[in-house]
């Protein structure tokens, strides 16, 4: 489209130039035959021929722009090939087995031993058995005590969480509900004071920080606020 506009501009410029040239030479049908000398006629004819060549070149450029020449060329690229070559190697020599004696005070026959919690390691000798008292695994028992409403219309649900063993502070307790909660507060039962503060999270997977220890005699009381009635859908977890 740009080539067509350029051709139109060149055509108008050529016509205007021809008009100016004819006006300059006072060319009319009568003057061409009577008053023009042969020298002026040759000059005028040469100028008109140049203008015609310019107009022809513009037309040819328009033609080439409307019908561009498409040249297709095939490019040959070398194909990379992976050549596999088998290189013979000698088999590694077998090493003689080494044995560690269990005799002596600083014997290394036992090697590296990784002991788990509540484990005892007895090596050699006799009548060297040991007894280990391991605490039972932590079990949290949750019971819903009451449900009420506050002045804002939120539903308050009170839950008691009793551990089977003592849990030292600080710790984070996580509760999973069927509906989201907007806030969660806690208090250690049968305790005169509480230290508050720490990370917390609301929603269906609520979490709060407890800065006082709990035990079977001093369980944890949790109060959650929600728009809908809530209930626990899983056991409490302590991190």
Protein backbone atom coordinates (compact mmCIF):
# COMPACT_ATOMS: atom_id res chain seq x y z
CA UNK A 1 0.00 0.00 0.00
CA UNK A 2 2.93 2.30 0.68
CA UNK A 3 4.22 1.78 -2.90
CA UNK A 4 0.87 2.83 -4.41
CA UNK A 5 0.82 6.10 -2.46
CA UNK A 6 4.41 6.81 -3.50
CA UNK A 7 3.51 6.23 -7.18
CA UNK A 8 0.57 8.62 -6.95
CA UNK A 9 2.80 11.30 -5.40
CA UNK A 10 5.43 10.80 -8.13
CA UNK A 11 2.74 10.98 -10.84
CA UNK A 12 1.38 14.28 -9.51
CA UNK A 13 4.91 15.67 -9.20
CA UNK A 14 5.71 14.67 -12.80
CA UNK A 15 2.54 16.26 -14.18
CA UNK A 16 3.24 19.43 -12.22
CA UNK A 17 6.83 19.51 -13.51
CA UNK A 18 5.65 19.09 -17.12
CA UNK A 19 3.17 21.95 -16.72
CA UNK A 20 5.89 24.19 -15.27
CA UNK A 21 8.30 23.30 -18.10
CA UNK A 22 5.69 23.98 -20.82
CA UNK A 23 4.77 27.28 -19.17
CA UNK A 24 8.43 28.27 -18.94
CA UNK A 25 8.94 27.64 -22.67
CA UNK A 26 5.55 29.21 -23.62
CA UNK A 27 4.58 26.05 -25.41
CA UNK A 28 1.28 26.10 -27.33
CA UNK A 29 0.25 24.18 -30.46
CA UNK A 30 0.79 27.32 -32.57
CA UNK A 31 4.14 28.34 -31.07
CA UNK A 32 5.55 24.82 -31.45
CA UNK A 33 5.38 25.09 -35.24
CA UNK A 34 6.27 28.75 -35.79
CA UNK A 35 8.37 30.35 -33.05
CA UNK A 36 10.45 27.44 -31.65
CA UNK A 37 13.93 26.89 -32.87
CA UNK A 38 15.38 23.44 -33.30
CA UNK A 39 17.70 23.91 -30.24
CA UNK A 40 14.86 24.78 -27.89
CA UNK A 41 12.82 21.90 -29.26
CA UNK A 42 15.64 19.44 -28.51
CA UNK A 43 16.01 20.80 -24.95
CA UNK A 44 12.29 20.58 -24.34
CA UNK A 45 12.11 17.06 -25.78
CA UNK A 46 15.03 15.92 -23.59
CA UNK A 47 13.39 17.30 -20.45
CA UNK A 48 10.10 15.62 -21.31
CA UNK A 49 11.90 12.33 -21.93
CA UNK A 50 13.58 12.56 -18.50
CA UNK A 51 10.21 13.21 -16.85
CA UNK A 52 8.72 10.22 -18.68
CA UNK A 53 11.63 8.01 -17.53
CA UNK A 54 11.12 9.14 -13.95
CA UNK A 55 7.42 8.34 -14.16
CA UNK A 56 8.19 4.95 -15.73
CA UNK A 57 10.64 4.04 -12.97
CA UNK A 58 8.04 4.94 -10.35
CA UNK A 59 5.51 2.72 -12.10
CA UNK A 60 8.02 -0.15 -12.25
CA UNK A 61 8.73 0.23 -8.52
CA UNK A 62 4.99 0.03 -7.84
CA UNK A 63 4.77 -3.12 -9.96
CA UNK A 64 7.65 -4.78 -8.09
CA UNK A 65 6.17 -3.88 -4.70
CA UNK A 66 2.81 -5.42 -5.65
CA UNK A 67 4.44 -8.59 -7.02
CA UNK A 68 7.50 -9.33 -4.91
CA UNK A 69 9.87 -12.04 -6.05
CA UNK A 70 10.11 -14.99 -3.70
CA UNK A 71 13.35 -16.89 -3.81
CA UNK A 72 13.48 -20.33 -2.25
CA UNK A 73 16.86 -21.75 -1.39
CA UNK A 74 17.53 -25.14 0.12
CA UNK A 75 20.17 -25.14 2.83
CA UNK A 76 22.05 -28.33 3.36
CA UNK A 77 23.14 -28.88 6.92
CA UNK A 78 25.41 -31.65 8.03
CA UNK A 79 23.71 -34.30 10.12
CA UNK A 80 25.44 -34.94 13.40
CA UNK A 81 25.91 -38.60 14.16
CA UNK A 82 26.75 -40.19 17.45
CA UNK A 83 29.51 -42.71 17.08
CA UNK A 84 29.76 -45.30 19.79
CA UNK A 85 33.12 -46.89 20.38
CA UNK A 86 33.82 -49.74 22.72
CA UNK A 87 37.03 -49.16 24.67
CA UNK A 88 38.41 -52.29 26.36
CA UNK A 89 39.25 -51.87 30.03
CA UNK A 90 40.79 -54.15 32.55
CA UNK A 91 38.56 -55.61 35.26
CA UNK A 92 39.28 -54.22 38.73
CA UNK A 93 41.27 -56.54 40.92
CA UNK A 94 39.49 -58.17 43.80
CA UNK A 95 40.59 -56.93 47.18
CA UNK A 96 41.08 -59.27 50.06
CA UNK A 97 38.39 -59.09 52.73
CA UNK A 98 39.37 -57.36 55.95
CA UNK A 99 38.26 -58.57 59.32
CA UNK A 100 38.02 -56.62 62.54
CA UNK A 101 38.79 -58.45 65.71
CA UNK A 102 36.51 -58.02 68.71
CA UNK A 103 39.29 -58.54 71.19
CA UNK A 104 40.76 -55.75 73.24
CA UNK A 105 39.42 -52.79 75.12
CA UNK A 106 39.18 -50.39 72.16
CA UNK A 107 37.90 -52.89 69.60
CA UNK A 108 36.30 -51.48 66.46
CA UNK A 109 34.19 -54.53 65.66
CA UNK A 110 30.91 -52.78 66.48
CA UNK A 111 31.34 -50.01 63.92
CA UNK A 112 28.94 -47.08 63.66
CA UNK A 113 25.71 -47.48 65.62
CA UNK A 114 22.74 -45.11 65.34
CA UNK A 115 20.49 -45.30 68.39
CA UNK A 116 16.88 -44.18 68.32
CA UNK A 117 14.95 -42.64 71.17
CA UNK A 118 14.52 -44.81 74.28
CA UNK A 119 17.08 -47.34 73.04
CA UNK A 120 19.88 -49.13 74.86
CA UNK A 121 23.11 -50.49 73.38
CA UNK A 122 24.90 -53.38 75.10
CA UNK A 123 27.92 -54.92 73.41
CA UNK A 124 29.61 -58.03 74.71
CA UNK A 125 29.98 -59.19 78.28
CA UNK A 126 27.32 -60.72 80.46
CA UNK A 127 24.81 -59.49 83.00
CA UNK A 128 24.99 -55.97 81.59
CA UNK A 129 21.33 -55.52 80.66
CA UNK A 130 19.78 -52.07 81.25
CA UNK A 131 16.25 -50.84 81.84
CA UNK A 132 14.98 -47.67 80.15
CA UNK A 133 11.85 -45.79 81.19
CA UNK A 134 10.36 -44.24 78.02
CA UNK A 135 7.45 -41.80 78.28
CA UNK A 136 4.28 -42.86 76.45
CA UNK A 137 3.41 -41.12 73.17
CA UNK A 138 1.46 -37.87 73.44
CA UNK A 139 -2.31 -38.25 73.11
CA UNK A 140 -4.61 -35.20 73.11
CA UNK A 141 -8.28 -35.74 73.96
CA UNK A 142 -10.61 -32.93 72.79
CA UNK A 143 -14.12 -32.42 74.20
CA UNK A 144 -16.62 -29.70 73.22
CA UNK A 145 -17.92 -28.13 76.46
CA UNK A 146 -20.41 -25.48 75.34
CA UNK A 147 -21.67 -23.33 72.50
CA UNK A 148 -23.00 -19.77 72.88
CA UNK A 149 -23.30 -16.44 71.05
CA UNK A 150 -21.79 -13.04 71.76
CA UNK A 151 -23.15 -9.52 71.19
CA UNK A 152 -21.94 -9.43 67.59
CA UNK A 153 -23.79 -12.62 66.67
CA UNK A 154 -20.69 -14.81 66.44
CA UNK A 155 -20.94 -18.39 67.66
CA UNK A 156 -18.54 -19.17 70.52
CA UNK A 157 -17.47 -22.80 70.91
CA UNK A 158 -15.52 -23.86 74.02
CA UNK A 159 -13.27 -26.93 73.77
CA UNK A 160 -11.20 -28.70 76.45
CA UNK A 161 -8.00 -30.45 75.32
CA UNK A 162 -6.50 -32.89 77.86
CA UNK A 163 -3.01 -34.38 77.30
CA UNK A 164 -2.02 -37.75 78.72
CA UNK A 165 1.49 -36.44 79.60
CA UNK A 166 2.93 -33.06 80.48
CA UNK A 167 3.63 -30.73 77.54
CA UNK A 168 6.23 -28.01 78.24
CA UNK A 169 5.82 -24.46 76.97
CA UNK A 170 5.94 -22.84 74.54
CA UNK A 171 4.16 -24.85 71.85
CA UNK A 172 1.72 -24.36 68.99
CA UNK A 173 -1.56 -26.24 68.84
CA UNK A 174 -3.41 -26.83 65.56
CA UNK A 175 -7.13 -27.60 65.24
CA UNK A 176 -9.01 -28.64 62.08
CA UNK A 177 -12.66 -27.53 61.80
CA UNK A 178 -15.43 -28.19 59.29
CA UNK A 179 -16.15 -24.45 58.99
CA UNK A 180 -13.71 -21.51 59.24
CA UNK A 181 -13.18 -19.70 62.55
CA UNK A 182 -12.52 -15.96 62.81
CA UNK A 183 -10.56 -16.07 66.08
CA UNK A 184 -9.18 -18.54 68.60
CA UNK A 185 -8.20 -17.93 72.22
CA UNK A 186 -6.76 -20.32 74.82
CA UNK A 187 -6.39 -20.63 78.60
CA UNK A 188 -4.82 -23.24 80.84
CA UNK A 189 -7.45 -24.58 83.21
CA UNK A 190 -6.79 -24.20 86.95
CA UNK A 191 -4.09 -21.57 86.26
CA UNK A 192 -4.14 -18.06 87.71
CA UNK A 193 -2.22 -16.31 84.90
CA UNK A 194 -1.37 -16.77 81.24
CA UNK A 195 1.38 -15.42 79.01
CA UNK A 196 -0.07 -14.44 75.64
CA UNK A 197 1.52 -13.76 72.23
CA UNK A 198 3.00 -15.65 69.32
CA UNK A 199 2.08 -16.84 65.83
CA UNK A 200 -1.55 -17.72 65.09
CA UNK A 201 -3.76 -18.66 62.14
CA UNK A 202 -7.55 -18.60 61.62
CA UNK A 203 -9.72 -20.47 59.13
CA UNK A 204 -10.51 -24.18 58.91
CA UNK A 205 -6.92 -25.09 59.86
CA UNK A 206 -6.55 -22.82 62.89
CA UNK A 207 -3.41 -22.51 64.99
CA UNK A 208 -2.37 -20.54 68.07
CA UNK A 209 0.64 -20.29 70.37
CA UNK A 210 0.48 -21.41 74.00
CA UNK A 211 3.14 -19.97 76.32
CA UNK A 212 2.21 -22.05 79.40
CA UNK A 213 2.72 -25.77 79.89
CA UNK A 214 -0.22 -28.18 80.18
CA UNK A 215 -0.69 -31.59 81.80
CA UNK A 216 -3.56 -33.90 82.70
CA UNK A 217 -4.38 -31.80 85.80
CA UNK A 218 -4.13 -28.50 83.89
CA UNK A 219 -5.68 -29.07 80.45
CA UNK A 220 -6.01 -26.45 77.74
CA UNK A 221 -9.28 -24.56 77.23
CA UNK A 222 -9.83 -23.21 73.71
CA UNK A 223 -12.60 -20.80 72.65
CA UNK A 224 -13.20 -20.19 68.93
CA UNK A 225 -15.52 -17.66 67.28
CA UNK A 226 -17.23 -18.40 63.96
CA UNK A 227 -20.20 -17.41 61.81
CA UNK A 228 -21.45 -20.99 61.54
CA UNK A 229 -21.44 -23.84 64.06
CA UNK A 230 -18.12 -25.67 63.99
CA UNK A 231 -16.84 -29.05 65.06
CA UNK A 232 -13.47 -30.72 65.02
CA UNK A 233 -12.83 -33.02 62.07
CA UNK A 234 -9.53 -34.39 63.38
CA UNK A 235 -7.48 -34.79 66.55
CA UNK A 236 -5.53 -31.76 67.84
CA UNK A 237 -1.85 -31.53 66.93
CA UNK A 238 1.06 -29.94 68.79
CA UNK A 239 4.19 -28.64 67.06
